[in-house]
Amino acid sequence: MLRSSPDRFGAVAVTIHWSTAILIVALLGSGFRAAHALDPVTKVAILRFHIPAALAVVSTTLARVVWWIA
């Protein structure tokens, strides 16, 4: 069942939810690690993951809103 019903969330909503949750946990870890990195090269390397992951969270959130409206 792809679409949500009154008593159960659909597969698309659940997939988007858990993808966003995993990305947020990864963002927290990489953000704290970048904040405590002493070497600027290491900080840049971490932020090369952190920034695209943040954009992915925004994208999945927008996808969830569009899916909910549609």
PDB file of N, CA and C in Angstrom:
ATOM      1  N   MET A   1       0.855  -1.171   0.000  1.00  0.00           N
ATOM      2  CA  MET A   1       0.000   0.000   0.000  1.00  0.00           C
ATOM      3  C   MET A   1       0.903   1.237   0.000  1.00  0.00           C
ATOM      4  N   LEU A   2       0.900   1.969  -1.104  1.00  0.00           N
ATOM      5  CA  LEU A   2       1.739   3.162  -1.212  1.00  0.00           C
ATOM      6  C   LEU A   2       1.141   4.359  -0.488  1.00  0.00           C
ATOM      7  N   ARG A   3      -0.158   4.534  -0.616  1.00  0.00           N
ATOM      8  CA  ARG A   3      -0.820   5.702  -0.028  1.00  0.00           C
ATOM      9  C   ARG A   3      -1.236   5.424   1.412  1.00  0.00           C
ATOM     10  N   SER A   4      -1.292   6.490   2.171  1.00  0.00           N
ATOM     11  CA  SER A   4      -1.727   6.372   3.559  1.00  0.00           C
ATOM     12  C   SER A   4      -3.239   6.196   3.626  1.00  0.00           C
ATOM     13  N   SER A   5      -3.681   5.479   4.637  1.00  0.00           N
ATOM     14  CA  SER A   5      -5.108   5.330   4.895  1.00  0.00           C
ATOM     15  C   SER A   5      -5.397   5.986   6.243  1.00  0.00           C
ATOM     16  N   PRO A   6      -6.658   6.117   6.611  1.00  0.00           N
ATOM     17  CA  PRO A   6      -6.969   6.758   7.900  1.00  0.00           C
ATOM     18  C   PRO A   6      -6.355   6.051   9.112  1.00  0.00           C
ATOM     19  N   ASP A   7      -6.104   4.755   9.006  1.00  0.00           N
ATOM     20  CA  ASP A   7      -5.565   4.036  10.161  1.00  0.00           C
ATOM     21  C   ASP A   7      -4.113   3.583  10.005  1.00  0.00           C
ATOM     22  N   ARG A   8      -3.471   3.877   8.851  1.00  0.00           N
ATOM     23  CA  ARG A   8      -2.104   3.420   8.634  1.00  0.00           C
ATOM     24  C   ARG A   8      -1.393   4.307   7.624  1.00  0.00           C
ATOM     25  N   PHE A   9      -0.106   4.574   7.894  1.00  0.00           N
ATOM     26  CA  PHE A   9       0.706   5.326   6.937  1.00  0.00           C
ATOM     27  C   PHE A   9       1.114   4.416   5.793  1.00  0.00           C
ATOM     28  N   GLY A  10       1.220   4.991   4.596  1.00  0.00           N
ATOM     29  CA  GLY A  10       1.620   4.226   3.428  1.00  0.00           C
ATOM     30  C   GLY A  10       3.122   4.047   3.358  1.00  0.00           C
ATOM     31  N   ALA A  11       3.561   3.222   2.425  1.00  0.00           N
ATOM     32  CA  ALA A  11       4.979   2.898   2.279  1.00  0.00           C
ATOM     33  C   ALA A  11       5.811   4.119   1.902  1.00  0.00           C
ATOM     34  N   VAL A  12       5.278   4.987   1.071  1.00  0.00           N
ATOM     35  CA  VAL A  12       6.028   6.175   0.662  1.00  0.00           C
ATOM     36  C   VAL A  12       6.247   7.099   1.854  1.00  0.00           C
ATOM     37  N   ALA A  13       5.222   7.344   2.635  1.00  0.00           N
ATOM     38  CA  ALA A  13       5.350   8.216   3.810  1.00  0.00           C
ATOM     39  C   ALA A  13       6.329   7.635   4.823  1.00  0.00           C
ATOM     40  N   VAL A  14       6.273   6.331   5.035  1.00  0.00           N
ATOM     41  CA  VAL A  14       7.182   5.685   5.988  1.00  0.00           C
ATOM     42  C   VAL A  14       8.626   5.750   5.488  1.00  0.00           C
ATOM     43  N   THR A  15       8.834   5.506   4.203  1.00  0.00           N
ATOM     44  CA  THR A  15      10.176   5.559   3.626  1.00  0.00           C
ATOM     45  C   THR A  15      10.756   6.962   3.724  1.00  0.00           C
ATOM     46  N   ILE A  16       9.969   7.961   3.388  1.00  0.00           N
ATOM     47  CA  ILE A  16      10.436   9.347   3.483  1.00  0.00           C
ATOM     48  C   ILE A  16      10.739   9.697   4.938  1.00  0.00           C
ATOM     49  N   HIS A  17       9.889   9.266   5.859  1.00  0.00           N
ATOM     50  CA  HIS A  17      10.089   9.553   7.276  1.00  0.00           C
ATOM     51  C   HIS A  17      11.413   8.983   7.773  1.00  0.00           C
ATOM     52  N   TRP A  18      11.656   7.706   7.525  1.00  0.00           N
ATOM     53  CA  TRP A  18      12.863   7.067   8.049  1.00  0.00           C
ATOM     54  C   TRP A  18      14.112   7.549   7.322  1.00  0.00           C
ATOM     55  N   SER A  19      14.003   7.869   6.039  1.00  0.00           N
ATOM     56  CA  SER A  19      15.150   8.448   5.326  1.00  0.00           C
ATOM     57  C   SER A  19      15.541   9.780   5.944  1.00  0.00           C
ATOM     58  N   THR A  20      14.557  10.600   6.242  1.00  0.00           N
ATOM     59  CA  THR A  20      14.822  11.887   6.875  1.00  0.00           C
ATOM     60  C   THR A  20      15.413  11.692   8.269  1.00  0.00           C
ATOM     61  N   ALA A  21      14.889  10.756   9.023  1.00  0.00           N
ATOM     62  CA  ALA A  21      15.394  10.513  10.379  1.00  0.00           C
ATOM     63  C   ALA A  21      16.855  10.074  10.355  1.00  0.00           C
ATOM     64  N   ILE A  22      17.205   9.174   9.455  1.00  0.00           N
ATOM     65  CA  ILE A  22      18.589   8.710   9.339  1.00  0.00           C
ATOM     66  C   ILE A  22      19.510   9.847   8.925  1.00  0.00           C
ATOM     67  N   LEU A  23      19.057  10.661   7.980  1.00  0.00           N
ATOM     68  CA  LEU A  23      19.867  11.804   7.548  1.00  0.00           C
ATOM     69  C   LEU A  23      20.069  12.808   8.671  1.00  0.00           C
ATOM     70  N   ILE A  24      19.059  13.041   9.490  1.00  0.00           N
ATOM     71  CA  ILE A  24      19.189  13.989  10.597  1.00  0.00           C
ATOM     72  C   ILE A  24      20.204  13.476  11.623  1.00  0.00           C
ATOM     73  N   VAL A  25      20.187  12.195  11.915  1.00  0.00           N
ATOM     74  CA  VAL A  25      21.171  11.624  12.834  1.00  0.00           C
ATOM     75  C   VAL A  25      22.580  11.773  12.255  1.00  0.00           C
ATOM     76  N   ALA A  26      22.722  11.517  10.961  1.00  0.00           N
ATOM     77  CA  ALA A  26      24.024  11.694  10.313  1.00  0.00           C
ATOM     78  C   ALA A  26      24.458  13.154  10.337  1.00  0.00           C
ATOM     79  N   LEU A  27      23.503  14.068  10.165  1.00  0.00           N
ATOM     80  CA  LEU A  27      23.821  15.499  10.226  1.00  0.00           C
ATOM     81  C   LEU A  27      24.296  15.912  11.609  1.00  0.00           C
ATOM     82  N   LEU A  28      23.642  15.401  12.631  1.00  0.00           N
ATOM     83  CA  LEU A  28      24.070  15.713  13.997  1.00  0.00           C
ATOM     84  C   LEU A  28      25.498  15.228  14.237  1.00  0.00           C
ATOM     85  N   GLY A  29      25.772  14.010  13.857  1.00  0.00           N
ATOM     86  CA  GLY A  29      27.119  13.469  14.040  1.00  0.00           C
ATOM     87  C   GLY A  29      28.169  14.233  13.268  1.00  0.00           C
ATOM     88  N   SER A  30      27.910  14.498  11.998  1.00  0.00           N
ATOM     89  CA  SER A  30      28.905  15.204  11.194  1.00  0.00           C
ATOM     90  C   SER A  30      29.038  16.663  11.615  1.00  0.00           C
ATOM     91  N   GLY A  31      27.952  17.273  12.065  1.00  0.00           N
ATOM     92  CA  GLY A  31      28.031  18.660  12.523  1.00  0.00           C
ATOM     93  C   GLY A  31      28.864  18.807  13.780  1.00  0.00           C
ATOM     94  N   PHE A  32      28.632  17.926  14.754  1.00  0.00           N
ATOM     95  CA  PHE A  32      29.436  17.963  15.976  1.00  0.00           C
ATOM     96  C   PHE A  32      30.901  17.626  15.687  1.00  0.00           C
ATOM     97  N   ARG A  33      31.103  16.681  14.791  1.00  0.00           N
ATOM     98  CA  ARG A  33      32.482  16.306  14.455  1.00  0.00           C
ATOM     99  C   ARG A  33      33.196  17.447  13.750  1.00  0.00           C
ATOM    100  N   ALA A  34      32.511  18.138  12.845  1.00  0.00           N
ATOM    101  CA  ALA A  34      33.122  19.275  12.159  1.00  0.00           C
ATOM    102  C   ALA A  34      33.393  20.423  13.129  1.00  0.00           C
ATOM    103  N   ALA A  35      32.491  20.634  14.068  1.00  0.00           N
ATOM    104  CA  ALA A  35      32.674  21.717  15.033  1.00  0.00           C
ATOM    105  C   ALA A  35      33.882  21.482  15.925  1.00  0.00           C
ATOM    106  N   HIS A  36      34.210  20.217  16.183  1.00  0.00           N
ATOM    107  CA  HIS A  36      35.331  19.906  17.063  1.00  0.00           C
ATOM    108  C   HIS A  36      36.606  19.550  16.309  1.00  0.00           C
ATOM    109  N   ALA A  37      36.573  19.614  14.989  1.00  0.00           N
ATOM    110  CA  ALA A  37      37.761  19.293  14.193  1.00  0.00           C
ATOM    111  C   ALA A  37      38.758  20.442  14.301  1.00  0.00           C
ATOM    112  N   LEU A  38      39.985  20.105  14.607  1.00  0.00           N
ATOM    113  CA  LEU A  38      41.026  21.118  14.738  1.00  0.00           C
ATOM    114  C   LEU A  38      41.698  21.419  13.402  1.00  0.00           C
ATOM    115  N   ASP A  39      41.808  20.412  12.576  1.00  0.00           N
ATOM    116  CA  ASP A  39      42.455  20.569  11.278  1.00  0.00           C
ATOM    117  C   ASP A  39      41.455  21.117  10.260  1.00  0.00           C
ATOM    118  N   PRO A  40      41.769  22.239   9.614  1.00  0.00           N
ATOM    119  CA  PRO A  40      40.829  22.801   8.629  1.00  0.00           C
ATOM    120  C   PRO A  40      40.534  21.863   7.456  1.00  0.00           C
ATOM    121  N   VAL A  41      41.505  21.065   7.062  1.00  0.00           N
ATOM    122  CA  VAL A  41      41.286  20.127   5.951  1.00  0.00           C
ATOM    123  C   VAL A  41      40.266  19.062   6.365  1.00  0.00           C
ATOM    124  N   THR A  42      40.367  18.594   7.596  1.00  0.00           N
ATOM    125  CA  THR A  42      39.404  17.619   8.102  1.00  0.00           C
ATOM    126  C   THR A  42      38.009  18.223   8.186  1.00  0.00           C
ATOM    127  N   LYS A  43      37.929  19.468   8.644  1.00  0.00           N
ATOM    128  CA  LYS A  43      36.638  20.141   8.748  1.00  0.00           C
ATOM    129  C   LYS A  43      35.979  20.272   7.377  1.00  0.00           C
ATOM    130  N   VAL A  44      36.756  20.644   6.375  1.00  0.00           N
ATOM    131  CA  VAL A  44      36.212  20.777   5.013  1.00  0.00           C
ATOM    132  C   VAL A  44      35.750  19.423   4.492  1.00  0.00           C
ATOM    133  N   ALA A  45      36.515  18.386   4.775  1.00  0.00           N
ATOM    134  CA  ALA A  45      36.131  17.046   4.321  1.00  0.00           C
ATOM    135  C   ALA A  45      34.810  16.611   4.950  1.00  0.00           C
ATOM    136  N   ILE A  46      34.636  16.915   6.218  1.00  0.00           N
ATOM    137  CA  ILE A  46      33.387  16.554   6.893  1.00  0.00           C
ATOM    138  C   ILE A  46      32.225  17.378   6.329  1.00  0.00           C
ATOM    139  N   LEU A  47      32.466  18.649   6.104  1.00  0.00           N
ATOM    140  CA  LEU A  47      31.401  19.513   5.586  1.00  0.00           C
ATOM    141  C   LEU A  47      31.018  19.168   4.151  1.00  0.00           C
ATOM    142  N   ARG A  48      31.904  18.494   3.428  1.00  0.00           N
ATOM    143  CA  ARG A  48      31.546  18.028   2.073  1.00  0.00           C
ATOM    144  C   ARG A  48      30.485  16.942   2.119  1.00  0.00           C
ATOM    145  N   PHE A  49      30.363  16.272   3.235  1.00  0.00           N
ATOM    146  CA  PHE A  49      29.242  15.348   3.446  1.00  0.00           C
ATOM    147  C   PHE A  49      28.052  16.071   4.069  1.00  0.00           C
ATOM    148  N   HIS A  50      28.332  16.944   5.022  1.00  0.00           N
ATOM    149  CA  HIS A  50      27.290  17.575   5.829  1.00  0.00           C
ATOM    150  C   HIS A  50      26.338  18.442   4.989  1.00  0.00           C
ATOM    151  N   ILE A  51      26.875  19.241   4.130  1.00  0.00           N
ATOM    152  CA  ILE A  51      26.048  20.174   3.351  1.00  0.00           C
ATOM    153  C   ILE A  51      25.117  19.438   2.381  1.00  0.00           C
ATOM    154  N   PRO A  52      25.601  18.487   1.581  1.00  0.00           N
ATOM    155  CA  PRO A  52      24.656  17.751   0.724  1.00  0.00           C
ATOM    156  C   PRO A  52      23.621  16.953   1.520  1.00  0.00           C
ATOM    157  N   ALA A  53      24.018  16.446   2.682  1.00  0.00           N
ATOM    158  CA  ALA A  53      23.055  15.718   3.514  1.00  0.00           C
ATOM    159  C   ALA A  53      21.961  16.662   4.006  1.00  0.00           C
ATOM    160  N   ALA A  54      22.331  17.886   4.347  1.00  0.00           N
ATOM    161  CA  ALA A  54      21.334  18.876   4.771  1.00  0.00           C
ATOM    162  C   ALA A  54      20.371  19.194   3.626  1.00  0.00           C
ATOM    163  N   LEU A  55      20.893  19.309   2.433  1.00  0.00           N
ATOM    164  CA  LEU A  55      20.031  19.557   1.273  1.00  0.00           C
ATOM    165  C   LEU A  55      19.119  18.359   1.010  1.00  0.00           C
ATOM    166  N   ALA A  56      19.602  17.162   1.285  1.00  0.00           N
ATOM    167  CA  ALA A  56      18.772  15.966   1.130  1.00  0.00           C
ATOM    168  C   ALA A  56      17.635  15.963   2.149  1.00  0.00           C
ATOM    169  N   VAL A  57      17.899  16.450   3.373  1.00  0.00           N
ATOM    170  CA  VAL A  57      16.835  16.538   4.382  1.00  0.00           C
ATOM    171  C   VAL A  57      15.767  17.524   3.921  1.00  0.00           C
ATOM    172  N   VAL A  58      16.197  18.654   3.401  1.00  0.00           N
ATOM    173  CA  VAL A  58      15.233  19.635   2.897  1.00  0.00           C
ATOM    174  C   VAL A  58      14.426  19.032   1.748  1.00  0.00           C
ATOM    175  N   SER A  59      15.102  18.320   0.858  1.00  0.00           N
ATOM    176  CA  SER A  59      14.416  17.709  -0.290  1.00  0.00           C
ATOM    177  C   SER A  59      13.408  16.652   0.150  1.00  0.00           C
ATOM    178  N   THR A  60      13.806  15.793   1.084  1.00  0.00           N
ATOM    179  CA  THR A  60      12.869  14.764   1.534  1.00  0.00           C
ATOM    180  C   THR A  60      11.701  15.369   2.311  1.00  0.00           C
ATOM    181  N   THR A  61      11.955  16.445   3.032  1.00  0.00           N
ATOM    182  CA  THR A  61      10.863  17.119   3.736  1.00  0.00           C
ATOM    183  C   THR A  61       9.879  17.727   2.746  1.00  0.00           C
ATOM    184  N   LEU A  62      10.389  18.370   1.720  1.00  0.00           N
ATOM    185  CA  LEU A  62       9.507  18.926   0.684  1.00  0.00           C
ATOM    186  C   LEU A  62       8.758  17.814  -0.050  1.00  0.00           C
ATOM    187  N   ALA A  63       9.436  16.688  -0.287  1.00  0.00           N
ATOM    188  CA  ALA A  63       8.767  15.558  -0.935  1.00  0.00           C
ATOM    189  C   ALA A  63       7.639  15.034  -0.063  1.00  0.00           C
ATOM    190  N   ARG A  64       7.862  15.006   1.235  1.00  0.00           N
ATOM    191  CA  ARG A  64       6.822  14.530   2.156  1.00  0.00           C
ATOM    192  C   ARG A  64       5.613  15.461   2.130  1.00  0.00           C
ATOM    193  N   VAL A  65       5.857  16.770   2.111  1.00  0.00           N
ATOM    194  CA  VAL A  65       4.763  17.742   2.068  1.00  0.00           C
ATOM    195  C   VAL A  65       3.993  17.610   0.757  1.00  0.00           C
ATOM    196  N   VAL A  66       4.717  17.481  -0.357  1.00  0.00           N
ATOM    197  CA  VAL A  66       4.056  17.316  -1.662  1.00  0.00           C
ATOM    198  C   VAL A  66       3.252  16.027  -1.677  1.00  0.00           C
ATOM    199  N   TRP A  67       3.821  14.943  -1.153  1.00  0.00           N
ATOM    200  CA  TRP A  67       3.112  13.665  -1.116  1.00  0.00           C
ATOM    201  C   TRP A  67       1.857  13.766  -0.259  1.00  0.00           C
ATOM    202  N   TRP A  68       1.955  14.493   0.856  1.00  0.00           N
ATOM    203  CA  TRP A  68       0.798  14.644   1.742  1.00  0.00           C
ATOM    204  C   TRP A  68      -0.304  15.462   1.083  1.00  0.00           C
ATOM    205  N   ILE A  69       0.073  16.517   0.353  1.00  0.00           N
ATOM    206  CA  ILE A  69      -0.921  17.370  -0.314  1.00  0.00           C
ATOM    207  C   ILE A  69      -1.562  16.606  -1.476  1.00  0.00           C
ATOM    208  N   ALA A  70      -0.743  15.894  -2.229  1.00  0.00           N
ATOM    209  CA  ALA A  70      -1.256  15.163  -3.399  1.00  0.00           C
ATOM    210  C   ALA A  70      -1.916  13.922  -2.948  1.00  0.00           C
TER     211      ALA A  70
END
